[in-house]
Amino acid sequence: MAGLKQKPRIRQDLHRLPPHKPSPEF
């Protein structure tokens, strides 16, 4: 369940992070 809750958060982080910086979570 925690993973599902983190999913939307990661999405927001991706937008916050620069495009040249891939997310390690994905």
PDB file of N, CA and C in Angstrom:
ATOM      1  N   MET A   1       0.838  -1.214   0.000  1.00  0.00           N
ATOM      2  CA  MET A   1       0.000   0.000   0.000  1.00  0.00           C
ATOM      3  C   MET A   1       0.871   1.262   0.000  1.00  0.00           C
ATOM      4  N   ALA A   2       1.966   1.193   0.742  1.00  0.00           N
ATOM      5  CA  ALA A   2       2.857   2.357   0.824  1.00  0.00           C
ATOM      6  C   ALA A   2       3.390   2.706  -0.572  1.00  0.00           C
ATOM      7  N   GLY A   3       3.664   1.669  -1.358  1.00  0.00           N
ATOM      8  CA  GLY A   3       4.186   1.896  -2.711  1.00  0.00           C
ATOM      9  C   GLY A   3       3.191   2.700  -3.547  1.00  0.00           C
ATOM     10  N   LEU A   4       1.912   2.327  -3.441  1.00  0.00           N
ATOM     11  CA  LEU A   4       0.890   3.035  -4.221  1.00  0.00           C
ATOM     12  C   LEU A   4       0.825   4.498  -3.798  1.00  0.00           C
ATOM     13  N   LYS A   5       0.932   4.723  -2.506  1.00  0.00           N
ATOM     14  CA  LYS A   5       0.868   6.108  -1.995  1.00  0.00           C
ATOM     15  C   LYS A   5       2.098   6.891  -2.467  1.00  0.00           C
ATOM     16  N   GLN A   6       3.226   6.201  -2.588  1.00  0.00           N
ATOM     17  CA  GLN A   6       4.459   6.867  -3.020  1.00  0.00           C
ATOM     18  C   GLN A   6       4.451   7.138  -4.523  1.00  0.00           C
ATOM     19  N   LYS A   7       3.695   6.338  -5.266  1.00  0.00           N
ATOM     20  CA  LYS A   7       3.664   6.495  -6.728  1.00  0.00           C
ATOM     21  C   LYS A   7       3.333   7.934  -7.136  1.00  0.00           C
ATOM     22  N   PRO A   8       2.230   8.497  -6.647  1.00  0.00           N
ATOM     23  CA  PRO A   8       1.865   9.868  -7.004  1.00  0.00           C
ATOM     24  C   PRO A   8       2.924  10.873  -6.550  1.00  0.00           C
ATOM     25  N   ARG A   9       3.548  10.569  -5.442  1.00  0.00           N
ATOM     26  CA  ARG A   9       4.586  11.469  -4.916  1.00  0.00           C
ATOM     27  C   ARG A   9       5.787  11.468  -5.862  1.00  0.00           C
ATOM     28  N   ILE A  10       6.164  10.292  -6.328  1.00  0.00           N
ATOM     29  CA  ILE A  10       7.308  10.186  -7.245  1.00  0.00           C
ATOM     30  C   ILE A  10       7.015  10.982  -8.518  1.00  0.00           C
ATOM     31  N   ARG A  11       5.758  10.905  -8.967  1.00  0.00           N
ATOM     32  CA  ARG A  11       5.374  11.622 -10.194  1.00  0.00           C
ATOM     33  C   ARG A  11       5.612  13.118 -10.004  1.00  0.00           C
ATOM     34  N   GLN A  12       5.234  13.630  -8.848  1.00  0.00           N
ATOM     35  CA  GLN A  12       5.420  15.064  -8.573  1.00  0.00           C
ATOM     36  C   GLN A  12       6.918  15.379  -8.497  1.00  0.00           C
ATOM     37  N   ASP A  13       7.683  14.457  -7.928  1.00  0.00           N
ATOM     38  CA  ASP A  13       9.134  14.661  -7.811  1.00  0.00           C
ATOM     39  C   ASP A  13       9.766  14.746  -9.198  1.00  0.00           C
ATOM     40  N   LEU A  14       9.277  13.917 -10.121  1.00  0.00           N
ATOM     41  CA  LEU A  14       9.822  13.909 -11.485  1.00  0.00           C
ATOM     42  C   LEU A  14       9.666  15.297 -12.098  1.00  0.00           C
ATOM     43  N   HIS A  15       8.495  15.899 -11.903  1.00  0.00           N
ATOM     44  CA  HIS A  15       8.246  17.237 -12.454  1.00  0.00           C
ATOM     45  C   HIS A  15       9.164  18.259 -11.788  1.00  0.00           C
ATOM     46  N   ARG A  16       9.424  18.040 -10.516  1.00  0.00           N
ATOM     47  CA  ARG A  16      10.276  18.978  -9.760  1.00  0.00           C
ATOM     48  C   ARG A  16      11.732  18.823 -10.215  1.00  0.00           C
ATOM     49  N   LEU A  17      12.155  17.575 -10.365  1.00  0.00           N
ATOM     50  CA  LEU A  17      13.535  17.315 -10.784  1.00  0.00           C
ATOM     51  C   LEU A  17      13.740  17.752 -12.239  1.00  0.00           C
ATOM     52  N   PRO A  18      14.962  18.106 -12.597  1.00  0.00           N
ATOM     53  CA  PRO A  18      15.268  18.518 -13.977  1.00  0.00           C
ATOM     54  C   PRO A  18      15.072  17.350 -14.946  1.00  0.00           C
ATOM     55  N   PRO A  19      14.822  17.633 -16.231  1.00  0.00           N
ATOM     56  CA  PRO A  19      14.602  16.584 -17.231  1.00  0.00           C
ATOM     57  C   PRO A  19      15.854  15.752 -17.469  1.00  0.00           C
ATOM     58  N   HIS A  20      17.016  16.352 -17.257  1.00  0.00           N
ATOM     59  CA  HIS A  20      18.279  15.626 -17.485  1.00  0.00           C
ATOM     60  C   HIS A  20      18.638  14.765 -16.272  1.00  0.00           C
ATOM     61  N   LYS A  21      17.767  14.778 -15.271  1.00  0.00           N
ATOM     62  CA  LYS A  21      18.053  13.968 -14.070  1.00  0.00           C
ATOM     63  C   LYS A  21      16.991  12.869 -13.932  1.00  0.00           C
ATOM     64  N   PRO A  22      17.257  11.673 -14.456  1.00  0.00           N
ATOM     65  CA  PRO A  22      16.292  10.568 -14.365  1.00  0.00           C
ATOM     66  C   PRO A  22      16.053  10.159 -12.923  1.00  0.00           C
ATOM     67  N   SER A  23      14.817   9.774 -12.624  1.00  0.00           N
ATOM     68  CA  SER A  23      14.482   9.376 -11.248  1.00  0.00           C
ATOM     69  C   SER A  23      14.969   7.954 -10.971  1.00  0.00           C
ATOM     70  N   PRO A  24      15.697   7.745  -9.879  1.00  0.00           N
ATOM     71  CA  PRO A  24      16.200   6.408  -9.522  1.00  0.00           C
ATOM     72  C   PRO A  24      15.067   5.463  -9.137  1.00  0.00           C
ATOM     73  N   GLU A  25      13.915   6.044  -8.769  1.00  0.00           N
ATOM     74  CA  GLU A  25      12.780   5.218  -8.346  1.00  0.00           C
ATOM     75  C   GLU A  25      12.188   4.487  -9.553  1.00  0.00           C
ATOM     76  N   PHE A  26      12.175   5.134 -10.700  1.00  0.00           N
ATOM     77  CA  PHE A  26      11.561   4.527 -11.886  1.00  0.00           C
ATOM     78  C   PHE A  26      12.401   3.391 -12.446  1.00  0.00           C
TER      79      PHE A  26
END
